[in-house]
Amino acid sequence: MQESKSRSTIRSAPAANESRIFELVKQKDKALAEYAARMEQKARELEFLVRELNQRNEELSNGLAVLRLYQAMFENEPAGIVGADREGRIIQFNTSAVRFFGVGLHALRLQHVSSLTLQGVGGEPPSLGELFAKTLASGEEGSLLVKAQSGRLRVSCHRLEDISGLRGVVFRVISLDEK
């Protein structure tokens, strides 16, 4: 009887080991399935993010193309254009502005608009600082007619605003005598 009991114990030990191994394999399979499901979810999230990133890149490329177009329009505008922030500091100008204000315009960057002087104006030059202040205060377009050696000029000043409020002003100088 003793011998049959020990044989039974010997036979049940491998069965118990097989059962334990089978249970471990099932646990590993379940863990792998859960991991695979998480990886599939992450892959879907990544695909979504890649599509979103590609869409934003396309939007940025389109925006950059529009910005380049605006820059070309600004640079090739025959009117002299000078942009100033709300404190009156010169921040941007086009190449035509150099023709009206002179080659020293590059040196005026970040200087106050009152530093601007039109080329070829006899007598007392108009005060663009005063025009700036009046336009800023009133919100209305301000303008001056000026007699220069090259002919009559119209200098206008406009407030630049957006939904965030006042951004600054833009001066526009045109020759009234050019065809």
C-alpha atoms as a PDB file:
ATOM      1  CA  MET A   1       0.000   0.000   0.000  1.00  0.00           C
ATOM      2  CA  GLN A   2       2.852   2.240   0.854  1.00  0.00           C
ATOM      3  CA  GLU A   3       4.377   1.681  -2.535  1.00  0.00           C
ATOM      4  CA  SER A   4       1.189   2.517  -4.427  1.00  0.00           C
ATOM      5  CA  LYS A   5       0.766   5.703  -2.372  1.00  0.00           C
ATOM      6  CA  SER A   6       4.265   6.908  -3.225  1.00  0.00           C
ATOM      7  CA  ARG A   7       3.729   6.097  -6.910  1.00  0.00           C
ATOM      8  CA  SER A   8       0.524   8.106  -6.791  1.00  0.00           C
ATOM      9  CA  THR A   9       2.384  11.012  -5.211  1.00  0.00           C
ATOM     10  CA  ILE A  10       5.099  10.754  -7.821  1.00  0.00           C
ATOM     11  CA  ARG A  11       2.532  10.713 -10.612  1.00  0.00           C
ATOM     12  CA  SER A  12       0.557  13.650  -9.147  1.00  0.00           C
ATOM     13  CA  ALA A  13       3.672  15.799  -8.762  1.00  0.00           C
ATOM     14  CA  PRO A  14       4.245  16.037 -12.514  1.00  0.00           C
ATOM     15  CA  ALA A  15       0.544  16.691 -13.000  1.00  0.00           C
ATOM     16  CA  ALA A  16       0.706  19.505 -10.449  1.00  0.00           C
ATOM     17  CA  ASN A  17       3.780  20.926 -12.161  1.00  0.00           C
ATOM     18  CA  GLU A  18       2.048  20.726 -15.534  1.00  0.00           C
ATOM     19  CA  SER A  19      -0.981  22.427 -14.078  1.00  0.00           C
ATOM     20  CA  ARG A  20       1.184  25.171 -12.567  1.00  0.00           C
ATOM     21  CA  ILE A  21       3.056  25.621 -15.836  1.00  0.00           C
ATOM     22  CA  PHE A  22      -0.230  25.708 -17.714  1.00  0.00           C
ATOM     23  CA  GLU A  23      -1.503  28.378 -15.282  1.00  0.00           C
ATOM     24  CA  LEU A  24       1.672  30.461 -15.732  1.00  0.00           C
ATOM     25  CA  VAL A  25       1.379  30.190 -19.516  1.00  0.00           C
ATOM     26  CA  LYS A  26      -2.254  31.333 -19.311  1.00  0.00           C
ATOM     27  CA  GLN A  27      -1.215  34.302 -17.143  1.00  0.00           C
ATOM     28  CA  LYS A  28       1.562  35.205 -19.563  1.00  0.00           C
ATOM     29  CA  ASP A  29      -0.801  34.876 -22.533  1.00  0.00           C
ATOM     30  CA  LYS A  30      -3.300  37.126 -20.781  1.00  0.00           C
ATOM     31  CA  ALA A  31      -0.579  39.668 -19.933  1.00  0.00           C
ATOM     32  CA  LEU A  32       0.676  39.595 -23.537  1.00  0.00           C
ATOM     33  CA  ALA A  33      -2.883  40.063 -24.857  1.00  0.00           C
ATOM     34  CA  GLU A  34      -3.373  43.035 -22.538  1.00  0.00           C
ATOM     35  CA  TYR A  35      -0.015  44.442 -23.592  1.00  0.00           C
ATOM     36  CA  ALA A  36      -0.886  43.953 -27.271  1.00  0.00           C
ATOM     37  CA  ALA A  37      -4.229  45.722 -26.724  1.00  0.00           C
ATOM     38  CA  ARG A  38      -2.430  48.646 -25.049  1.00  0.00           C
ATOM     39  CA  MET A  39       0.083  48.782 -27.906  1.00  0.00           C
ATOM     40  CA  GLU A  40      -2.746  48.789 -30.475  1.00  0.00           C
ATOM     41  CA  GLN A  41      -4.394  51.656 -28.586  1.00  0.00           C
ATOM     42  CA  LYS A  42      -1.097  53.545 -28.471  1.00  0.00           C
ATOM     43  CA  ALA A  43      -0.609  52.900 -32.203  1.00  0.00           C
ATOM     44  CA  ARG A  44      -4.066  54.373 -32.916  1.00  0.00           C
ATOM     45  CA  GLU A  45      -3.237  57.386 -30.736  1.00  0.00           C
ATOM     46  CA  LEU A  46       0.079  57.788 -32.519  1.00  0.00           C
ATOM     47  CA  GLU A  47      -1.597  57.551 -35.942  1.00  0.00           C
ATOM     48  CA  PHE A  48      -4.045  60.268 -34.838  1.00  0.00           C
ATOM     49  CA  LEU A  49      -1.193  62.479 -33.627  1.00  0.00           C
ATOM     50  CA  VAL A  50       0.760  61.955 -36.857  1.00  0.00           C
ATOM     51  CA  ARG A  51      -2.322  62.915 -38.929  1.00  0.00           C
ATOM     52  CA  GLU A  52      -2.836  65.970 -36.717  1.00  0.00           C
ATOM     53  CA  LEU A  53       0.839  66.930 -37.019  1.00  0.00           C
ATOM     54  CA  ASN A  54       0.740  66.531 -40.805  1.00  0.00           C
ATOM     55  CA  GLN A  55      -2.387  68.702 -40.954  1.00  0.00           C
ATOM     56  CA  ARG A  56      -0.744  71.386 -38.825  1.00  0.00           C
ATOM     57  CA  ASN A  57       2.400  71.237 -40.956  1.00  0.00           C
ATOM     58  CA  GLU A  58       0.256  71.778 -44.043  1.00  0.00           C
ATOM     59  CA  GLU A  59      -1.517  74.701 -42.355  1.00  0.00           C
ATOM     60  CA  LEU A  60       1.851  76.203 -41.380  1.00  0.00           C
ATOM     61  CA  SER A  61       3.165  75.743 -44.923  1.00  0.00           C
ATOM     62  CA  ASN A  62       0.083  77.474 -46.303  1.00  0.00           C
ATOM     63  CA  GLY A  63       0.432  80.241 -43.728  1.00  0.00           C
ATOM     64  CA  LEU A  64       4.089  80.651 -44.604  1.00  0.00           C
ATOM     65  CA  ALA A  65       3.215  80.913 -48.301  1.00  0.00           C
ATOM     66  CA  VAL A  66       0.656  83.620 -47.504  1.00  0.00           C
ATOM     67  CA  LEU A  67       3.186  85.404 -45.296  1.00  0.00           C
ATOM     68  CA  ARG A  68       5.741  85.349 -48.124  1.00  0.00           C
ATOM     69  CA  LEU A  69       3.115  86.776 -50.474  1.00  0.00           C
ATOM     70  CA  TYR A  70       2.317  89.570 -48.007  1.00  0.00           C
ATOM     71  CA  GLN A  71       6.034  90.251 -47.576  1.00  0.00           C
ATOM     72  CA  ALA A  72       6.481  90.511 -51.358  1.00  0.00           C
ATOM     73  CA  MET A  73       3.438  92.794 -51.613  1.00  0.00           C
ATOM     74  CA  PHE A  74       4.794  94.953 -48.785  1.00  0.00           C
ATOM     75  CA  GLU A  75       8.279  95.177 -50.263  1.00  0.00           C
ATOM     76  CA  ASN A  76       7.051  95.925 -53.795  1.00  0.00           C
ATOM     77  CA  GLU A  77       4.395  98.487 -52.832  1.00  0.00           C
ATOM     78  CA  PRO A  78       5.241 101.800 -54.546  1.00  0.00           C
ATOM     79  CA  ALA A  79       4.060 103.745 -51.500  1.00  0.00           C
ATOM     80  CA  GLY A  80       6.576 104.180 -48.710  1.00  0.00           C
ATOM     81  CA  ILE A  81       5.350 102.266 -45.669  1.00  0.00           C
ATOM     82  CA  VAL A  82       6.721 102.595 -42.151  1.00  0.00           C
ATOM     83  CA  GLY A  83       5.290 100.588 -39.253  1.00  0.00           C
ATOM     84  CA  ALA A  84       5.647 101.707 -35.662  1.00  0.00           C
ATOM     85  CA  ASP A  85       4.570 100.091 -32.418  1.00  0.00           C
ATOM     86  CA  ARG A  86       2.180 101.828 -30.014  1.00  0.00           C
ATOM     87  CA  GLU A  87       5.107 103.623 -28.358  1.00  0.00           C
ATOM     88  CA  GLY A  88       6.109 105.082 -31.719  1.00  0.00           C
ATOM     89  CA  ARG A  89       9.237 102.966 -32.266  1.00  0.00           C
ATOM     90  CA  ILE A  90       9.949 102.226 -35.936  1.00  0.00           C
ATOM     91  CA  ILE A  91       9.773  98.468 -36.365  1.00  0.00           C
ATOM     92  CA  GLN A  92       9.269  97.852 -40.084  1.00  0.00           C
ATOM     93  CA  PHE A  93       9.568  99.686 -43.395  1.00  0.00           C
ATOM     94  CA  ASN A  94       9.598  98.803 -47.063  1.00  0.00           C
ATOM     95  CA  THR A  95      12.133  99.707 -49.737  1.00  0.00           C
ATOM     96  CA  SER A  96       9.965 102.533 -51.073  1.00  0.00           C
ATOM     97  CA  ALA A  97      10.117 104.193 -47.656  1.00  0.00           C
ATOM     98  CA  VAL A  98      13.865 104.471 -48.075  1.00  0.00           C
ATOM     99  CA  ARG A  99      13.231 106.517 -51.245  1.00  0.00           C
ATOM    100  CA  PHE A 100      11.017 108.989 -49.340  1.00  0.00           C
ATOM    101  CA  PHE A 101      12.922 109.110 -46.051  1.00  0.00           C
ATOM    102  CA  GLY A 102      16.482 108.486 -47.228  1.00  0.00           C
ATOM    103  CA  VAL A 103      19.106 105.838 -46.819  1.00  0.00           C
ATOM    104  CA  GLY A 104      19.450 106.533 -43.103  1.00  0.00           C
ATOM    105  CA  LEU A 105      16.132 104.819 -42.467  1.00  0.00           C
ATOM    106  CA  HIS A 106      17.859 101.554 -41.514  1.00  0.00           C
ATOM    107  CA  ALA A 107      19.643 103.419 -38.749  1.00  0.00           C
ATOM    108  CA  LEU A 108      16.271 104.609 -37.444  1.00  0.00           C
ATOM    109  CA  ARG A 109      14.973 101.124 -36.623  1.00  0.00           C
ATOM    110  CA  LEU A 110      13.606 101.185 -33.064  1.00  0.00           C
ATOM    111  CA  GLN A 111      13.938 104.990 -32.972  1.00  0.00           C
ATOM    112  CA  HIS A 112      10.831 107.122 -32.386  1.00  0.00           C
ATOM    113  CA  VAL A 113       8.820 108.170 -35.466  1.00  0.00           C
ATOM    114  CA  SER A 114       9.619 111.803 -34.650  1.00  0.00           C
ATOM    115  CA  SER A 115      13.110 110.936 -35.987  1.00  0.00           C
ATOM    116  CA  LEU A 116      11.673 110.485 -39.497  1.00  0.00           C
ATOM    117  CA  THR A 117      12.383 113.293 -41.937  1.00  0.00           C
ATOM    118  CA  LEU A 118      11.103 113.359 -45.510  1.00  0.00           C
ATOM    119  CA  GLN A 119      13.777 113.888 -48.185  1.00  0.00           C
ATOM    120  CA  GLY A 120      13.769 117.078 -50.237  1.00  0.00           C
ATOM    121  CA  VAL A 121      11.272 119.020 -48.150  1.00  0.00           C
ATOM    122  CA  GLY A 122      12.113 122.723 -47.975  1.00  0.00           C
ATOM    123  CA  GLY A 123      11.418 124.846 -44.940  1.00  0.00           C
ATOM    124  CA  GLU A 124      10.092 123.324 -41.740  1.00  0.00           C
ATOM    125  CA  PRO A 125       9.658 119.558 -42.256  1.00  0.00           C
ATOM    126  CA  PRO A 126       6.342 118.118 -41.086  1.00  0.00           C
ATOM    127  CA  SER A 127       6.334 116.558 -37.640  1.00  0.00           C
ATOM    128  CA  LEU A 128       5.533 112.898 -38.025  1.00  0.00           C
ATOM    129  CA  GLY A 129       5.718 112.598 -34.234  1.00  0.00           C
ATOM    130  CA  GLU A 130       2.743 114.975 -33.948  1.00  0.00           C
ATOM    131  CA  LEU A 131       0.850 113.108 -36.684  1.00  0.00           C
ATOM    132  CA  PHE A 132       1.537 109.869 -34.798  1.00  0.00           C
ATOM    133  CA  ALA A 133       0.276 111.312 -31.492  1.00  0.00           C
ATOM    134  CA  LYS A 134      -2.899 112.771 -33.059  1.00  0.00           C
ATOM    135  CA  THR A 135      -3.711 109.535 -34.888  1.00  0.00           C
ATOM    136  CA  LEU A 136      -3.101 107.459 -31.796  1.00  0.00           C
ATOM    137  CA  ALA A 137      -5.261 109.716 -29.625  1.00  0.00           C
ATOM    138  CA  SER A 138      -8.169 110.200 -32.028  1.00  0.00           C
ATOM    139  CA  GLY A 139      -8.241 106.831 -33.747  1.00  0.00           C
ATOM    140  CA  GLU A 140      -8.862 108.705 -36.988  1.00  0.00           C
ATOM    141  CA  GLU A 141      -6.593 108.620 -40.003  1.00  0.00           C
ATOM    142  CA  GLY A 142      -4.272 111.572 -39.989  1.00  0.00           C
ATOM    143  CA  SER A 143      -2.644 112.959 -43.102  1.00  0.00           C
ATOM    144  CA  LEU A 144      -0.384 115.734 -44.328  1.00  0.00           C
ATOM    145  CA  LEU A 145       0.217 117.209 -47.760  1.00  0.00           C
ATOM    146  CA  VAL A 146       3.862 118.058 -48.251  1.00  0.00           C
ATOM    147  CA  LYS A 147       5.684 119.919 -51.007  1.00  0.00           C
ATOM    148  CA  ALA A 148       9.009 118.238 -51.759  1.00  0.00           C
ATOM    149  CA  GLN A 149      11.584 118.753 -54.492  1.00  0.00           C
ATOM    150  CA  SER A 150      10.265 115.632 -56.212  1.00  0.00           C
ATOM    151  CA  GLY A 151       6.670 116.928 -56.102  1.00  0.00           C
ATOM    152  CA  ARG A 152       3.681 116.780 -53.788  1.00  0.00           C
ATOM    153  CA  LEU A 153       3.537 114.009 -51.212  1.00  0.00           C
ATOM    154  CA  ARG A 154       0.704 112.723 -49.099  1.00  0.00           C
ATOM    155  CA  VAL A 155       1.695 111.279 -45.742  1.00  0.00           C
ATOM    156  CA  SER A 156      -1.060 109.360 -43.992  1.00  0.00           C
ATOM    157  CA  CYS A 157      -1.046 107.647 -40.625  1.00  0.00           C
ATOM    158  CA  HIS A 158      -3.419 104.821 -39.650  1.00  0.00           C
ATOM    159  CA  ARG A 159      -3.931 103.016 -36.368  1.00  0.00           C
ATOM    160  CA  LEU A 160      -3.379  99.277 -36.454  1.00  0.00           C
ATOM    161  CA  GLU A 161      -5.747  97.359 -34.204  1.00  0.00           C
ATOM    162  CA  ASP A 162      -6.931  93.817 -33.832  1.00  0.00           C
ATOM    163  CA  ILE A 163      -9.127  91.970 -31.366  1.00  0.00           C
ATOM    164  CA  SER A 164      -6.384  92.307 -28.748  1.00  0.00           C
ATOM    165  CA  GLY A 165      -6.388  96.077 -29.069  1.00  0.00           C
ATOM    166  CA  LEU A 166      -3.995  98.714 -30.364  1.00  0.00           C
ATOM    167  CA  ARG A 167      -0.894  97.357 -32.060  1.00  0.00           C
ATOM    168  CA  GLY A 168       0.644 100.538 -33.432  1.00  0.00           C
ATOM    169  CA  VAL A 169       0.452 102.709 -36.527  1.00  0.00           C
ATOM    170  CA  VAL A 170       1.483 102.628 -40.143  1.00  0.00           C
ATOM    171  CA  PHE A 171       2.676 105.642 -42.107  1.00  0.00           C
ATOM    172  CA  ARG A 172       2.068 105.600 -45.838  1.00  0.00           C
ATOM    173  CA  VAL A 173       3.786 108.093 -48.154  1.00  0.00           C
ATOM    174  CA  ILE A 174       2.670 108.452 -51.762  1.00  0.00           C
ATOM    175  CA  SER A 175       3.700 110.807 -54.497  1.00  0.00           C
ATOM    176  CA  LEU A 176       0.702 112.715 -55.824  1.00  0.00           C
ATOM    177  CA  ASP A 177       2.577 113.745 -58.960  1.00  0.00           C
ATOM    178  CA  GLU A 178       3.741 110.320 -60.216  1.00  0.00           C
ATOM    179  CA  LYS A 179       1.662 108.639 -62.864  1.00  0.00           C
END
